[in-house]
Amino acid sequence: MDKKDADKFKLYVQLAKDTVSDYMIPTALYRDMDDGRNPQFNEISVYEEFAWYHYYIGRPNLLNFPNENDRNRTFADFSHEGPAFFTWHRAYLLKLERMLQQVRRV
């Protein structure tokens, strides 16, 4: 990548940080929202939306749902630990490319 392309990429990333996404993220759990009567959401930028995807898919997921007395809990990070790593990240980078193309048009 030459300097011109790198500068263009940085510009699009900055545009993504300055562009409000069509999506919002919750700032509290549903149970803390007074049964949905007190919704708590924040607007996010297109860049933050992209970062949220990575955070959310990378969270450990509980497997073998234990009962209260079972201390042997098994967790898995499906985006990083397993055979889907390359496939998932390829799709993730394609999502980034499409998001940057979208902010470029705005």
PDB file of N, CA and C in Angstrom:
ATOM      1  N   MET A   1       0.860  -1.174   0.000  1.00  0.00           N
ATOM      2  CA  MET A   1       0.000   0.000   0.000  1.00  0.00           C
ATOM      3  C   MET A   1       0.904   1.234   0.000  1.00  0.00           C
ATOM      4  N   ASP A   2       0.702   2.104  -0.962  1.00  0.00           N
ATOM      5  CA  ASP A   2       1.507   3.325  -0.998  1.00  0.00           C
ATOM      6  C   ASP A   2       0.903   4.386  -0.077  1.00  0.00           C
ATOM      7  N   LYS A   3       1.610   5.493   0.087  1.00  0.00           N
ATOM      8  CA  LYS A   3       1.177   6.538   1.016  1.00  0.00           C
ATOM      9  C   LYS A   3      -0.194   7.103   0.636  1.00  0.00           C
ATOM     10  N   LYS A   4      -0.448   7.275  -0.662  1.00  0.00           N
ATOM     11  CA  LYS A   4      -1.736   7.812  -1.109  1.00  0.00           C
ATOM     12  C   LYS A   4      -2.883   6.889  -0.681  1.00  0.00           C
ATOM     13  N   ASP A   5      -2.712   5.579  -0.882  1.00  0.00           N
ATOM     14  CA  ASP A   5      -3.751   4.619  -0.479  1.00  0.00           C
ATOM     15  C   ASP A   5      -3.907   4.580   1.035  1.00  0.00           C
ATOM     16  N   ALA A   6      -2.783   4.654   1.759  1.00  0.00           N
ATOM     17  CA  ALA A   6      -2.843   4.640   3.225  1.00  0.00           C
ATOM     18  C   ALA A   6      -3.582   5.877   3.743  1.00  0.00           C
ATOM     19  N   ASP A   7      -3.303   7.031   3.146  1.00  0.00           N
ATOM     20  CA  ASP A   7      -3.994   8.255   3.564  1.00  0.00           C
ATOM     21  C   ASP A   7      -5.487   8.176   3.263  1.00  0.00           C
ATOM     22  N   LYS A   8      -5.853   7.593   2.123  1.00  0.00           N
ATOM     23  CA  LYS A   8      -7.258   7.434   1.766  1.00  0.00           C
ATOM     24  C   LYS A   8      -7.957   6.497   2.759  1.00  0.00           C
ATOM     25  N   PHE A   9      -7.285   5.400   3.118  1.00  0.00           N
ATOM     26  CA  PHE A   9      -7.851   4.459   4.089  1.00  0.00           C
ATOM     27  C   PHE A   9      -8.076   5.155   5.432  1.00  0.00           C
ATOM     28  N   LYS A  10      -7.088   5.923   5.888  1.00  0.00           N
ATOM     29  CA  LYS A  10      -7.223   6.643   7.162  1.00  0.00           C
ATOM     30  C   LYS A  10      -8.386   7.630   7.115  1.00  0.00           C
ATOM     31  N   LEU A  11      -8.556   8.293   5.967  1.00  0.00           N
ATOM     32  CA  LEU A  11      -9.666   9.226   5.807  1.00  0.00           C
ATOM     33  C   LEU A  11     -11.006   8.504   5.941  1.00  0.00           C
ATOM     34  N   TYR A  12     -11.141   7.342   5.308  1.00  0.00           N
ATOM     35  CA  TYR A  12     -12.400   6.589   5.382  1.00  0.00           C
ATOM     36  C   TYR A  12     -12.658   6.070   6.791  1.00  0.00           C
ATOM     37  N   VAL A  13     -11.602   5.660   7.486  1.00  0.00           N
ATOM     38  CA  VAL A  13     -11.788   5.221   8.876  1.00  0.00           C
ATOM     39  C   VAL A  13     -12.259   6.400   9.722  1.00  0.00           C
ATOM     40  N   GLN A  14     -11.671   7.574   9.504  1.00  0.00           N
ATOM     41  CA  GLN A  14     -12.111   8.758  10.251  1.00  0.00           C
ATOM     42  C   GLN A  14     -13.559   9.107   9.913  1.00  0.00           C
ATOM     43  N   LEU A  15     -13.934   8.986   8.644  1.00  0.00           N
ATOM     44  CA  LEU A  15     -15.332   9.210   8.257  1.00  0.00           C
ATOM     45  C   LEU A  15     -16.254   8.222   8.970  1.00  0.00           C
ATOM     46  N   ALA A  16     -15.824   6.972   9.092  1.00  0.00           N
ATOM     47  CA  ALA A  16     -16.623   5.960   9.790  1.00  0.00           C
ATOM     48  C   ALA A  16     -16.783   6.322  11.262  1.00  0.00           C
ATOM     49  N   LYS A  17     -15.756   6.921  11.850  1.00  0.00           N
ATOM     50  CA  LYS A  17     -15.846   7.343  13.249  1.00  0.00           C
ATOM     51  C   LYS A  17     -16.769   8.544  13.425  1.00  0.00           C
ATOM     52  N   ASP A  18     -16.901   9.359  12.375  1.00  0.00           N
ATOM     53  CA  ASP A  18     -17.724  10.567  12.449  1.00  0.00           C
ATOM     54  C   ASP A  18     -19.142  10.376  11.931  1.00  0.00           C
ATOM     55  N   THR A  19     -19.449   9.211  11.350  1.00  0.00           N
ATOM     56  CA  THR A  19     -20.763   8.942  10.768  1.00  0.00           C
ATOM     57  C   THR A  19     -21.604   8.127  11.743  1.00  0.00           C
ATOM     58  N   VAL A  20     -22.811   8.594  12.032  1.00  0.00           N
ATOM     59  CA  VAL A  20     -23.703   7.880  12.951  1.00  0.00           C
ATOM     60  C   VAL A  20     -24.268   6.656  12.237  1.00  0.00           C
ATOM     61  N   SER A  21     -24.220   5.537  12.914  1.00  0.00           N
ATOM     62  CA  SER A  21     -24.730   4.275  12.383  1.00  0.00           C
ATOM     63  C   SER A  21     -26.253   4.247  12.409  1.00  0.00           C
ATOM     64  N   ASP A  22     -26.825   3.364  11.615  1.00  0.00           N
ATOM     65  CA  ASP A  22     -28.267   3.133  11.659  1.00  0.00           C
ATOM     66  C   ASP A  22     -28.657   2.313  12.886  1.00  0.00           C
ATOM     67  N   TYR A  23     -27.672   1.764  13.574  1.00  0.00           N
ATOM     68  CA  TYR A  23     -27.916   0.889  14.717  1.00  0.00           C
ATOM     69  C   TYR A  23     -27.567   1.592  16.023  1.00  0.00           C
ATOM     70  N   MET A  24     -28.113   1.066  17.105  1.00  0.00           N
ATOM     71  CA  MET A  24     -27.800   1.550  18.443  1.00  0.00           C
ATOM     72  C   MET A  24     -27.371   0.342  19.273  1.00  0.00           C
ATOM     73  N   ILE A  25     -26.679   0.594  20.382  1.00  0.00           N
ATOM     74  CA  ILE A  25     -26.296  -0.503  21.263  1.00  0.00           C
ATOM     75  C   ILE A  25     -26.960  -0.312  22.628  1.00  0.00           C
ATOM     76  N   PRO A  26     -27.299  -1.409  23.275  1.00  0.00           N
ATOM     77  CA  PRO A  26     -27.888  -1.300  24.609  1.00  0.00           C
ATOM     78  C   PRO A  26     -26.819  -0.915  25.623  1.00  0.00           C
ATOM     79  N   THR A  27     -27.205  -0.116  26.595  1.00  0.00           N
ATOM     80  CA  THR A  27     -26.279   0.268  27.658  1.00  0.00           C
ATOM     81  C   THR A  27     -26.651  -0.391  28.981  1.00  0.00           C
ATOM     82  N   ALA A  28     -27.650  -1.252  28.934  1.00  0.00           N
ATOM     83  CA  ALA A  28     -28.075  -1.984  30.130  1.00  0.00           C
ATOM     84  C   ALA A  28     -28.730  -3.290  29.689  1.00  0.00           C
ATOM     85  N   LEU A  29     -28.819  -4.214  30.605  1.00  0.00           N
ATOM     86  CA  LEU A  29     -29.514  -5.466  30.331  1.00  0.00           C
ATOM     87  C   LEU A  29     -31.021  -5.219  30.339  1.00  0.00           C
ATOM     88  N   TYR A  30     -31.768  -6.041  29.611  1.00  0.00           N
ATOM     89  CA  TYR A  30     -33.215  -5.883  29.526  1.00  0.00           C
ATOM     90  C   TYR A  30     -33.844  -5.882  30.918  1.00  0.00           C
ATOM     91  N   ARG A  31     -33.363  -6.778  31.782  1.00  0.00           N
ATOM     92  CA  ARG A  31     -33.952  -6.861  33.126  1.00  0.00           C
ATOM     93  C   ARG A  31     -33.747  -5.578  33.927  1.00  0.00           C
ATOM     94  N   ASP A  32     -32.731  -4.773  33.549  1.00  0.00           N
ATOM     95  CA  ASP A  32     -32.476  -3.509  34.232  1.00  0.00           C
ATOM     96  C   ASP A  32     -33.204  -2.337  33.584  1.00  0.00           C
ATOM     97  N   MET A  33     -33.974  -2.618  32.536  1.00  0.00           N
ATOM     98  CA  MET A  33     -34.690  -1.569  31.827  1.00  0.00           C
ATOM     99  C   MET A  33     -36.145  -1.487  32.271  1.00  0.00           C
ATOM    100  N   ASP A  34     -36.437  -1.955  33.462  1.00  0.00           N
ATOM    101  CA  ASP A  34     -37.796  -1.895  34.001  1.00  0.00           C
ATOM    102  C   ASP A  34     -38.768  -2.585  33.056  1.00  0.00           C
ATOM    103  N   ASP A  35     -38.446  -3.838  32.699  1.00  0.00           N
ATOM    104  CA  ASP A  35     -39.264  -4.648  31.795  1.00  0.00           C
ATOM    105  C   ASP A  35     -39.509  -3.964  30.451  1.00  0.00           C
ATOM    106  N   GLY A  36     -38.531  -3.239  29.975  1.00  0.00           N
ATOM    107  CA  GLY A  36     -38.629  -2.608  28.667  1.00  0.00           C
ATOM    108  C   GLY A  36     -39.266  -1.235  28.678  1.00  0.00           C
ATOM    109  N   ARG A  37     -39.754  -0.779  29.814  1.00  0.00           N
ATOM    110  CA  ARG A  37     -40.409   0.537  29.871  1.00  0.00           C
ATOM    111  C   ARG A  37     -39.384   1.672  29.963  1.00  0.00           C
ATOM    112  N   ASN A  38     -38.134   1.327  30.262  1.00  0.00           N
ATOM    113  CA  ASN A  38     -37.091   2.338  30.392  1.00  0.00           C
ATOM    114  C   ASN A  38     -35.894   1.929  29.524  1.00  0.00           C
ATOM    115  N   PRO A  39     -36.050   1.961  28.191  1.00  0.00           N
ATOM    116  CA  PRO A  39     -34.965   1.506  27.322  1.00  0.00           C
ATOM    117  C   PRO A  39     -33.721   2.365  27.474  1.00  0.00           C
ATOM    118  N   GLN A  40     -32.575   1.722  27.401  1.00  0.00           N
ATOM    119  CA  GLN A  40     -31.305   2.420  27.547  1.00  0.00           C
ATOM    120  C   GLN A  40     -30.408   2.022  26.383  1.00  0.00           C
ATOM    121  N   PHE A  41     -30.317   2.904  25.410  1.00  0.00           N
ATOM    122  CA  PHE A  41     -29.521   2.668  24.217  1.00  0.00           C
ATOM    123  C   PHE A  41     -28.705   3.910  23.900  1.00  0.00           C
ATOM    124  N   ASN A  42     -27.596   3.718  23.227  1.00  0.00           N
ATOM    125  CA  ASN A  42     -26.769   4.834  22.754  1.00  0.00           C
ATOM    126  C   ASN A  42     -26.607   4.752  21.250  1.00  0.00           C
ATOM    127  N   GLU A  43     -26.583   5.915  20.612  1.00  0.00           N
ATOM    128  CA  GLU A  43     -26.194   5.954  19.210  1.00  0.00           C
ATOM    129  C   GLU A  43     -24.704   5.643  19.134  1.00  0.00           C
ATOM    130  N   ILE A  44     -24.303   5.040  18.035  1.00  0.00           N
ATOM    131  CA  ILE A  44     -22.900   4.707  17.847  1.00  0.00           C
ATOM    132  C   ILE A  44     -22.481   5.120  16.439  1.00  0.00           C
ATOM    133  N   SER A  45     -21.180   5.239  16.254  1.00  0.00           N
ATOM    134  CA  SER A  45     -20.664   5.538  14.921  1.00  0.00           C
ATOM    135  C   SER A  45     -20.583   4.240  14.116  1.00  0.00           C
ATOM    136  N   VAL A  46     -20.392   4.384  12.827  1.00  0.00           N
ATOM    137  CA  VAL A  46     -20.221   3.213  11.963  1.00  0.00           C
ATOM    138  C   VAL A  46     -18.996   2.418  12.411  1.00  0.00           C
ATOM    139  N   TYR A  47     -17.940   3.107  12.799  1.00  0.00           N
ATOM    140  CA  TYR A  47     -16.729   2.430  13.279  1.00  0.00           C
ATOM    141  C   TYR A  47     -17.011   1.656  14.565  1.00  0.00           C
ATOM    142  N   GLU A  48     -17.759   2.260  15.486  1.00  0.00           N
ATOM    143  CA  GLU A  48     -18.101   1.582  16.740  1.00  0.00           C
ATOM    144  C   GLU A  48     -18.988   0.367  16.481  1.00  0.00           C
ATOM    145  N   GLU A  49     -19.848   0.459  15.479  1.00  0.00           N
ATOM    146  CA  GLU A  49     -20.668  -0.700  15.099  1.00  0.00           C
ATOM    147  C   GLU A  49     -19.761  -1.863  14.685  1.00  0.00           C
ATOM    148  N   PHE A  50     -18.769  -1.549  13.880  1.00  0.00           N
ATOM    149  CA  PHE A  50     -17.822  -2.570  13.431  1.00  0.00           C
ATOM    150  C   PHE A  50     -17.078  -3.174  14.626  1.00  0.00           C
ATOM    151  N   ALA A  51     -16.616  -2.332  15.549  1.00  0.00           N
ATOM    152  CA  ALA A  51     -15.920  -2.813  16.744  1.00  0.00           C
ATOM    153  C   ALA A  51     -16.847  -3.654  17.622  1.00  0.00           C
ATOM    154  N   TRP A  52     -18.129  -3.278  17.681  1.00  0.00           N
ATOM    155  CA  TRP A  52     -19.103  -4.013  18.483  1.00  0.00           C
ATOM    156  C   TRP A  52     -19.267  -5.439  17.975  1.00  0.00           C
ATOM    157  N   TYR A  53     -19.277  -5.614  16.649  1.00  0.00           N
ATOM    158  CA  TYR A  53     -19.380  -6.970  16.094  1.00  0.00           C
ATOM    159  C   TYR A  53     -18.250  -7.848  16.628  1.00  0.00           C
ATOM    160  N   HIS A  54     -17.057  -7.320  16.622  1.00  0.00           N
ATOM    161  CA  HIS A  54     -15.900  -8.101  17.078  1.00  0.00           C
ATOM    162  C   HIS A  54     -16.000  -8.398  18.567  1.00  0.00           C
ATOM    163  N   TYR A  55     -16.384  -7.390  19.341  1.00  0.00           N
ATOM    164  CA  TYR A  55     -16.557  -7.601  20.783  1.00  0.00           C
ATOM    165  C   TYR A  55     -17.617  -8.668  21.048  1.00  0.00           C
ATOM    166  N   TYR A  56     -18.751  -8.533  20.389  1.00  0.00           N
ATOM    167  CA  TYR A  56     -19.876  -9.419  20.683  1.00  0.00           C
ATOM    168  C   TYR A  56     -19.588 -10.861  20.283  1.00  0.00           C
ATOM    169  N   ILE A  57     -19.019 -11.077  19.106  1.00  0.00           N
ATOM    170  CA  ILE A  57     -18.750 -12.445  18.667  1.00  0.00           C
ATOM    171  C   ILE A  57     -17.580 -13.052  19.445  1.00  0.00           C
ATOM    172  N   GLY A  58     -16.707 -12.209  19.970  1.00  0.00           N
ATOM    173  CA  GLY A  58     -15.550 -12.706  20.699  1.00  0.00           C
ATOM    174  C   GLY A  58     -15.811 -12.997  22.162  1.00  0.00           C
ATOM    175  N   ARG A  59     -17.016 -12.681  22.630  1.00  0.00           N
ATOM    176  CA  ARG A  59     -17.327 -12.955  24.034  1.00  0.00           C
ATOM    177  C   ARG A  59     -17.340 -14.451  24.278  1.00  0.00           C
ATOM    178  N   PRO A  60     -16.862 -14.869  25.420  1.00  0.00           N
ATOM    179  CA  PRO A  60     -16.951 -16.298  25.739  1.00  0.00           C
ATOM    180  C   PRO A  60     -18.409 -16.738  25.829  1.00  0.00           C
ATOM    181  N   ASN A  61     -18.704 -17.858  25.232  1.00  0.00           N
ATOM    182  CA  ASN A  61     -20.049 -18.424  25.262  1.00  0.00           C
ATOM    183  C   ASN A  61     -20.035 -19.649  26.150  1.00  0.00           C
ATOM    184  N   LEU A  62     -21.026 -19.760  26.979  1.00  0.00           N
ATOM    185  CA  LEU A  62     -21.109 -20.871  27.916  1.00  0.00           C
ATOM    186  C   LEU A  62     -21.621 -22.117  27.214  1.00  0.00           C
ATOM    187  N   LEU A  63     -20.884 -23.190  27.354  1.00  0.00           N
ATOM    188  CA  LEU A  63     -21.286 -24.479  26.807  1.00  0.00           C
ATOM    189  C   LEU A  63     -21.634 -25.417  27.959  1.00  0.00           C
ATOM    190  N   ASN A  64     -22.318 -26.480  27.679  1.00  0.00           N
ATOM    191  CA  ASN A  64     -22.673 -27.474  28.703  1.00  0.00           C
ATOM    192  C   ASN A  64     -23.318 -26.806  29.911  1.00  0.00           C
ATOM    193  N   PHE A  65     -24.340 -26.026  29.649  1.00  0.00           N
ATOM    194  CA  PHE A  65     -24.990 -25.219  30.675  1.00  0.00           C
ATOM    195  C   PHE A  65     -25.044 -25.940  32.017  1.00  0.00           C
ATOM    196  N   PRO A  66     -24.207 -25.536  32.953  1.00  0.00           N
ATOM    197  CA  PRO A  66     -24.136 -26.224  34.241  1.00  0.00           C
ATOM    198  C   PRO A  66     -25.299 -25.842  35.160  1.00  0.00           C
ATOM    199  N   ASN A  67     -25.583 -26.730  36.085  1.00  0.00           N
ATOM    200  CA  ASN A  67     -26.560 -26.358  37.105  1.00  0.00           C
ATOM    201  C   ASN A  67     -25.835 -25.540  38.172  1.00  0.00           C
ATOM    202  N   GLU A  68     -26.543 -25.079  39.161  1.00  0.00           N
ATOM    203  CA  GLU A  68     -25.958 -24.191  40.167  1.00  0.00           C
ATOM    204  C   GLU A  68     -24.817 -24.837  40.935  1.00  0.00           C
ATOM    205  N   ASN A  69     -24.826 -26.159  41.085  1.00  0.00           N
ATOM    206  CA  ASN A  69     -23.801 -26.842  41.858  1.00  0.00           C
ATOM    207  C   ASN A  69     -22.584 -27.243  41.029  1.00  0.00           C
ATOM    208  N   ASP A  70     -22.650 -27.083  39.727  1.00  0.00           N
ATOM    209  CA  ASP A  70     -21.562 -27.490  38.841  1.00  0.00           C
ATOM    210  C   ASP A  70     -20.560 -26.357  38.679  1.00  0.00           C
ATOM    211  N   ARG A  71     -19.335 -26.566  39.145  1.00  0.00           N
ATOM    212  CA  ARG A  71     -18.311 -25.530  39.050  1.00  0.00           C
ATOM    213  C   ARG A  71     -17.441 -25.700  37.805  1.00  0.00           C
ATOM    214  N   ASN A  72     -17.655 -26.761  37.047  1.00  0.00           N
ATOM    215  CA  ASN A  72     -16.873 -27.004  35.838  1.00  0.00           C
ATOM    216  C   ASN A  72     -17.588 -26.408  34.633  1.00  0.00           C
ATOM    217  N   ARG A  73     -17.405 -25.147  34.425  1.00  0.00           N
ATOM    218  CA  ARG A  73     -18.048 -24.475  33.304  1.00  0.00           C
ATOM    219  C   ARG A  73     -17.106 -24.465  32.107  1.00  0.00           C
ATOM    220  N   THR A  74     -17.650 -24.637  30.941  1.00  0.00           N
ATOM    221  CA  THR A  74     -16.872 -24.661  29.717  1.00  0.00           C
ATOM    222  C   THR A  74     -17.253 -23.460  28.869  1.00  0.00           C
ATOM    223  N   PHE A  75     -16.240 -22.690  28.452  1.00  0.00           N
ATOM    224  CA  PHE A  75     -16.472 -21.508  27.638  1.00  0.00           C
ATOM    225  C   PHE A  75     -15.799 -21.677  26.284  1.00  0.00           C
ATOM    226  N   ALA A  76     -16.331 -21.023  25.276  1.00  0.00           N
ATOM    227  CA  ALA A  76     -15.734 -21.061  23.947  1.00  0.00           C
ATOM    228  C   ALA A  76     -15.888 -19.700  23.289  1.00  0.00           C
ATOM    229  N   ASP A  77     -14.838 -19.269  22.625  1.00  0.00           N
ATOM    230  CA  ASP A  77     -14.863 -18.048  21.828  1.00  0.00           C
ATOM    231  C   ASP A  77     -14.882 -18.523  20.383  1.00  0.00           C
ATOM    232  N   PHE A  78     -16.065 -18.542  19.776  1.00  0.00           N
ATOM    233  CA  PHE A  78     -16.231 -19.160  18.462  1.00  0.00           C
ATOM    234  C   PHE A  78     -15.531 -18.400  17.333  1.00  0.00           C
ATOM    235  N   SER A  79     -15.220 -17.136  17.538  1.00  0.00           N
ATOM    236  CA  SER A  79     -14.569 -16.387  16.460  1.00  0.00           C
ATOM    237  C   SER A  79     -13.051 -16.532  16.476  1.00  0.00           C
ATOM    238  N   HIS A  80     -12.476 -16.997  17.580  1.00  0.00           N
ATOM    239  CA  HIS A  80     -11.026 -17.069  17.676  1.00  0.00           C
ATOM    240  C   HIS A  80     -10.496 -18.462  18.001  1.00  0.00           C
ATOM    241  N   GLU A  81     -11.286 -19.277  18.643  1.00  0.00           N
ATOM    242  CA  GLU A  81     -10.814 -20.588  19.085  1.00  0.00           C
ATOM    243  C   GLU A  81     -11.533 -21.686  18.326  1.00  0.00           C
ATOM    244  N   GLY A  82     -11.010 -22.036  17.198  1.00  0.00           N
ATOM    245  CA  GLY A  82     -11.630 -23.124  16.465  1.00  0.00           C
ATOM    246  C   GLY A  82     -11.458 -22.977  14.972  1.00  0.00           C
ATOM    247  N   PRO A  83     -12.059 -23.894  14.247  1.00  0.00           N
ATOM    248  CA  PRO A  83     -11.863 -23.936  12.803  1.00  0.00           C
ATOM    249  C   PRO A  83     -12.519 -22.780  12.049  1.00  0.00           C
ATOM    250  N   ALA A  84     -13.389 -22.025  12.684  1.00  0.00           N
ATOM    251  CA  ALA A  84     -14.060 -20.922  11.992  1.00  0.00           C
ATOM    252  C   ALA A  84     -13.255 -19.621  12.021  1.00  0.00           C
ATOM    253  N   PHE A  85     -12.097 -19.627  12.656  1.00  0.00           N
ATOM    254  CA  PHE A  85     -11.315 -18.394  12.812  1.00  0.00           C
ATOM    255  C   PHE A  85     -11.097 -17.674  11.481  1.00  0.00           C
ATOM    256  N   PHE A  86     -10.516 -18.344  10.507  1.00  0.00           N
ATOM    257  CA  PHE A  86     -10.189 -17.687   9.244  1.00  0.00           C
ATOM    258  C   PHE A  86     -11.446 -17.297   8.464  1.00  0.00           C
ATOM    259  N   THR A  87     -12.430 -18.164   8.467  1.00  0.00           N
ATOM    260  CA  THR A  87     -13.671 -17.871   7.759  1.00  0.00           C
ATOM    261  C   THR A  87     -14.381 -16.679   8.369  1.00  0.00           C
ATOM    262  N   TRP A  88     -14.484 -16.659   9.695  1.00  0.00           N
ATOM    263  CA  TRP A  88     -15.176 -15.554  10.355  1.00  0.00           C
ATOM    264  C   TRP A  88     -14.445 -14.236  10.132  1.00  0.00           C
ATOM    265  N   HIS A  89     -13.126 -14.217  10.290  1.00  0.00           N
ATOM    266  CA  HIS A  89     -12.395 -12.971  10.116  1.00  0.00           C
ATOM    267  C   HIS A  89     -12.377 -12.505   8.661  1.00  0.00           C
ATOM    268  N   ARG A  90     -12.450 -13.432   7.736  1.00  0.00           N
ATOM    269  CA  ARG A  90     -12.550 -13.022   6.329  1.00  0.00           C
ATOM    270  C   ARG A  90     -13.869 -12.278   6.106  1.00  0.00           C
ATOM    271  N   ALA A  91     -14.960 -12.816   6.626  1.00  0.00           N
ATOM    272  CA  ALA A  91     -16.265 -12.148   6.519  1.00  0.00           C
ATOM    273  C   ALA A  91     -16.260 -10.825   7.281  1.00  0.00           C
ATOM    274  N   TYR A  92     -15.576 -10.789   8.410  1.00  0.00           N
ATOM    275  CA  TYR A  92     -15.490  -9.581   9.232  1.00  0.00           C
ATOM    276  C   TYR A  92     -14.775  -8.460   8.469  1.00  0.00           C
ATOM    277  N   LEU A  93     -13.675  -8.775   7.802  1.00  0.00           N
ATOM    278  CA  LEU A  93     -12.955  -7.763   7.031  1.00  0.00           C
ATOM    279  C   LEU A  93     -13.751  -7.324   5.800  1.00  0.00           C
ATOM    280  N   LEU A  94     -14.519  -8.233   5.218  1.00  0.00           N
ATOM    281  CA  LEU A  94     -15.405  -7.866   4.113  1.00  0.00           C
ATOM    282  C   LEU A  94     -16.453  -6.868   4.614  1.00  0.00           C
ATOM    283  N   LYS A  95     -16.965  -7.087   5.830  1.00  0.00           N
ATOM    284  CA  LYS A  95     -17.913  -6.154   6.443  1.00  0.00           C
ATOM    285  C   LYS A  95     -17.263  -4.784   6.613  1.00  0.00           C
ATOM    286  N   LEU A  96     -16.010  -4.748   7.056  1.00  0.00           N
ATOM    287  CA  LEU A  96     -15.293  -3.476   7.193  1.00  0.00           C
ATOM    288  C   LEU A  96     -15.190  -2.774   5.848  1.00  0.00           C
ATOM    289  N   GLU A  97     -14.824  -3.508   4.819  1.00  0.00           N
ATOM    290  CA  GLU A  97     -14.700  -2.921   3.487  1.00  0.00           C
ATOM    291  C   GLU A  97     -16.027  -2.323   3.029  1.00  0.00           C
ATOM    292  N   ARG A  98     -17.102  -3.027   3.227  1.00  0.00           N
ATOM    293  CA  ARG A  98     -18.422  -2.521   2.810  1.00  0.00           C
ATOM    294  C   ARG A  98     -18.856  -1.317   3.634  1.00  0.00           C
ATOM    295  N   MET A  99     -18.534  -1.318   4.921  1.00  0.00           N
ATOM    296  CA  MET A  99     -18.878  -0.179   5.769  1.00  0.00           C
ATOM    297  C   MET A  99     -18.104   1.066   5.325  1.00  0.00           C
ATOM    298  N   LEU A 100     -16.836   0.894   4.982  1.00  0.00           N
ATOM    299  CA  LEU A 100     -16.031   2.029   4.534  1.00  0.00           C
ATOM    300  C   LEU A 100     -16.516   2.540   3.180  1.00  0.00           C
ATOM    301  N   GLN A 101     -16.949   1.639   2.318  1.00  0.00           N
ATOM    302  CA  GLN A 101     -17.521   2.064   1.038  1.00  0.00           C
ATOM    303  C   GLN A 101     -18.801   2.859   1.262  1.00  0.00           C
ATOM    304  N   GLN A 102     -19.582   2.458   2.247  1.00  0.00           N
ATOM    305  CA  GLN A 102     -20.839   3.140   2.534  1.00  0.00           C
ATOM    306  C   GLN A 102     -20.595   4.560   3.051  1.00  0.00           C
ATOM    307  N   VAL A 103     -19.650   4.743   3.955  1.00  0.00           N
ATOM    308  CA  VAL A 103     -19.410   6.094   4.477  1.00  0.00           C
ATOM    309  C   VAL A 103     -18.793   6.987   3.415  1.00  0.00           C
ATOM    310  N   ARG A 104     -18.102   6.383   2.477  1.00  0.00           N
ATOM    311  CA  ARG A 104     -17.500   7.150   1.392  1.00  0.00           C
ATOM    312  C   ARG A 104     -18.579   7.820   0.543  1.00  0.00           C
ATOM    313  N   ARG A 105     -19.735   7.161   0.412  1.00  0.00           N
ATOM    314  CA  ARG A 105     -20.823   7.670  -0.433  1.00  0.00           C
ATOM    315  C   ARG A 105     -21.625   8.770   0.254  1.00  0.00           C
ATOM    316  N   VAL A 106     -21.554   8.810   1.578  1.00  0.00           N
ATOM    317  CA  VAL A 106     -22.367   9.781   2.337  1.00  0.00           C
ATOM    318  C   VAL A 106     -21.879  11.190   2.108  1.00  0.00           C
TER     319      VAL A 106
END
